[in-house]
Amino acid sequence: MAFGLVVASVVILLLLWLVWKRRPSEALCLQAIKQLVPMFQASSLRRMEDVYIQFILQRFQPQSYQKISKPKSKVYLESSELLLPTLNGQAYYLLKPQLSGQTYTAEDLQWVEIVLYVAREVEASKQQRWLGVKEERQRIRRDLHDELTQDLIALMRSVDGDGQVQLANGAMNSLKNILSALSDEEMLLQDLLTTAQAQMRERMSLHDINLEWYEKNISSEDVVTAKVVSNVLKILKEAGCNVTKHSDTDNVKVVVNQFGHRLEVRIENEVIEKRFTEVSNQLGMKNIEARVNELHGEMNATEESGVFILSFSFPLEEGEAVGV
């Protein structure tokens, strides 16, 4: 429904703009919308600029292009070169024709103007939606904090026994993870892995299970979104619960490996033969798979010689406020 409203709004506004500009190119307009709107809708706010310029480059395939850090709000033809602004108008791209002696035409100029107009309209719509989502998230975050934090603190102070204290601490950590995800806080990948290891080690210690944790090729500069933080912590929590419920082991091995812009996590533990296929374990595995899918990743679960291996990988995207 929301997607259809965006398309309809862009079509109406663009046709009105063309009439006002006295450029009755409805066919060109609708063709651009048909191609562009789905692409822009599928991208995040932060990546719309890349989609915009790549769409332009795909059509013209210029001899060369460069980005110049000078404000420009409109599209221009200058000599044989095409100058088109970034979406925010704070810089512009300069495109040279594909062949020497060739020049861009008025029709090329009009096509780029349409692309720019559509991109900015969809960006404005996505920005408005993002602000609404952010406001609602902050409201839920405040409510959870005000209602649950004090109760959990009181519980932590009143329980007896190390086991109960650790369970109460675990509940507090879970609440912190939820509040962090709702606040759209980004995190260094290295900090996420440090947090994940500490939480999993604490959960395993409750069941006298030793955790072996290995990290390979982890970047010290990569930043991950709140969505990645939330999902990875919850995946590892669910995986840890499955180990304690369905395994016959006193040792768990976790290997985290970064391959460029992709992260792979592998969890290994001994199990009672075929135990991981039991119905009681399927809901947890489905929840893990759903969270991996939310990260546009892949999951695999196998048993080899009495060892259960759960692995998942997903692309690391640039940190951003929210994926809309």
Foldseek 3Di string as FASTA:
>chain_A
DLLVVLLVVLLVVVCVVCVVVVNNPSVLLVVLSVPPSVVLVQFFLVCLQVVLVVVLCVVQVFCDKDKAQAFDDAWDFDPQWTWAAGLVRRIIMIGHGRDPPHGDDPVSRVSSRSSSSSSNSSSVVNVVVVVVLLVVLVVVLVVCCVPPVVVLVVQLVPDDDPLSNLVSVLVVVLNVLSSLLSNWDKDFPVVLVVVLVVSLCSLLVSVQAHEAEEEEPRDRPAIAISLVSSLVSVLSVLVSVCCSPFADFRYKYWYWYDDDQKIKIKIKTFGDPPSCVDPVNVVSVVSNQVSLVVLVKDWDWDADPRMIMIMIMHGGDHYDRDGD
